[in-house]
Amino acid sequence: MPREKFKTLTQQMFYVLLCLTKERCGIELLERIPQLTEGRVTVGSGTLYDLLEAFQQAGMIRETKCEGRRRSYEITPAGREKLAEEYERIDQQARDYRRLIEGDSL
């Protein structure tokens, strides 16, 4: 059975949505993600533009303007909801880790 699209987000997907909480174009995303993550996460231009297209088709982002080849995007309410769900999933994993490592009984 194929994996449900966007059930969980990769790091790159997460940071693209996170950075689109402010309107940005592709070049700005390519610069902002490594800056935000102190180099831990990078996104290649091919991957970025594939993600932008997929997110747009899924209604998670919308194009805000197009100036020549430069297109800007921002997150939609559906994208914010998915981003919040993913944050909660990651946060729960961190809480489970801390509980186990700190020796709390399960």
Protein backbone atom coordinates (compact mmCIF):
# COMPACT_ATOMS: atom_id res chain seq x y z
CA MET A 1 0.00 0.00 0.00
CA PRO A 2 1.46 3.41 -0.93
CA ARG A 3 2.36 5.86 1.82
CA GLU A 4 -0.22 8.58 2.41
CA LYS A 5 1.16 11.85 1.06
CA PHE A 6 1.99 14.40 3.79
CA LYS A 7 0.98 12.04 6.64
CA THR A 8 4.30 12.99 8.19
CA LEU A 9 6.66 15.65 6.91
CA THR A 10 10.34 15.34 6.16
CA GLN A 11 12.63 17.93 7.70
CA GLN A 12 12.74 19.74 4.39
CA MET A 13 8.94 19.79 4.12
CA PHE A 14 8.62 21.03 7.71
CA TYR A 15 11.07 23.90 7.20
CA VAL A 16 9.57 24.96 3.87
CA LEU A 17 6.16 25.31 5.52
CA LEU A 18 7.66 26.95 8.60
CA CYS A 19 9.52 29.52 6.52
CA LEU A 20 6.39 30.26 4.51
CA THR A 21 4.63 31.63 7.59
CA LYS A 22 6.07 34.79 6.03
CA GLU A 23 5.70 35.41 2.30
CA ARG A 24 8.88 34.31 0.52
CA CYS A 25 10.10 33.38 -2.93
CA GLY A 26 12.10 30.25 -3.73
CA ILE A 27 15.52 31.90 -3.56
CA GLU A 28 14.69 33.30 -0.12
CA LEU A 29 13.69 29.80 1.05
CA LEU A 30 16.95 28.32 -0.26
CA GLU A 31 18.84 30.88 1.85
CA ARG A 32 16.57 31.00 4.92
CA ILE A 33 16.30 27.27 5.71
CA PRO A 34 20.06 26.64 6.20
CA GLN A 35 20.32 29.94 8.07
CA LEU A 36 17.45 29.02 10.42
CA THR A 37 18.77 25.50 11.03
CA GLU A 38 22.43 26.54 11.36
CA GLY A 39 23.23 24.38 8.33
CA ARG A 40 21.58 21.18 9.61
CA VAL A 41 18.95 21.25 6.86
CA THR A 42 19.43 22.25 3.27
CA VAL A 43 17.05 21.98 0.35
CA GLY A 44 18.21 21.69 -3.23
CA SER A 45 16.46 23.84 -5.80
CA GLY A 46 14.91 20.85 -7.61
CA THR A 47 13.53 19.46 -4.35
CA LEU A 48 12.28 22.88 -3.29
CA TYR A 49 10.34 23.53 -6.47
CA ASP A 50 8.86 20.00 -6.40
CA LEU A 51 7.74 20.61 -2.80
CA LEU A 52 6.29 24.01 -3.62
CA GLU A 53 4.25 22.50 -6.44
CA ALA A 54 3.05 19.59 -4.28
CA PHE A 55 2.16 21.88 -1.36
CA GLN A 56 0.31 24.20 -3.70
CA GLN A 57 -1.67 21.32 -5.23
CA ALA A 58 -2.53 20.09 -1.71
CA GLY A 59 -3.76 23.58 -0.73
CA MET A 60 -1.10 24.06 1.96
CA ILE A 61 0.48 27.10 0.32
CA ARG A 62 -0.64 29.65 -2.22
CA GLU A 63 1.20 31.74 -4.74
CA THR A 64 1.02 35.39 -3.77
CA LYS A 65 2.78 37.05 -6.68
CA CYS A 66 4.68 36.33 -9.84
CA GLU A 67 7.29 38.76 -11.14
CA GLY A 68 8.93 37.25 -14.21
CA ARG A 69 10.34 33.91 -13.06
CA ARG A 70 10.22 34.88 -9.38
CA ARG A 71 7.17 33.54 -7.57
CA SER A 72 6.32 34.18 -3.96
CA TYR A 73 4.30 31.93 -1.68
CA GLU A 74 2.75 31.88 1.76
CA ILE A 75 1.22 29.20 3.94
CA THR A 76 -2.57 28.70 3.97
CA PRO A 77 -4.74 27.73 6.96
CA ALA A 78 -4.53 24.08 5.81
CA GLY A 79 -0.74 24.37 5.72
CA ARG A 80 -0.67 25.92 9.20
CA GLU A 81 -2.80 23.05 10.48
CA LYS A 82 -0.44 20.47 8.97
CA LEU A 83 2.58 22.31 10.36
CA ALA A 84 1.01 22.36 13.84
CA GLU A 85 0.19 18.62 13.61
CA GLU A 86 3.78 17.86 12.65
CA TYR A 87 5.12 20.03 15.46
CA GLU A 88 2.92 18.15 17.94
CA ARG A 89 4.14 14.79 16.59
CA ILE A 90 7.79 15.85 16.94
CA ASP A 91 7.16 17.35 20.37
CA GLN A 92 5.55 14.11 21.56
CA GLN A 93 8.60 12.17 20.40
CA ALA A 94 10.83 14.55 22.35
CA ARG A 95 8.65 14.15 25.47
CA ASP A 96 8.83 10.35 25.14
CA TYR A 97 12.60 10.55 24.79
CA ARG A 98 12.97 12.76 27.86
CA ARG A 99 10.64 10.54 29.90
CA LEU A 100 12.62 7.41 29.05
CA ILE A 101 16.08 8.96 29.36
CA GLU A 102 15.24 10.78 32.60
CA GLY A 103 14.06 7.50 34.06
CA ASP A 104 10.36 8.17 34.51
CA SER A 105 8.34 4.98 34.59
CA LEU A 106 6.26 4.20 31.55
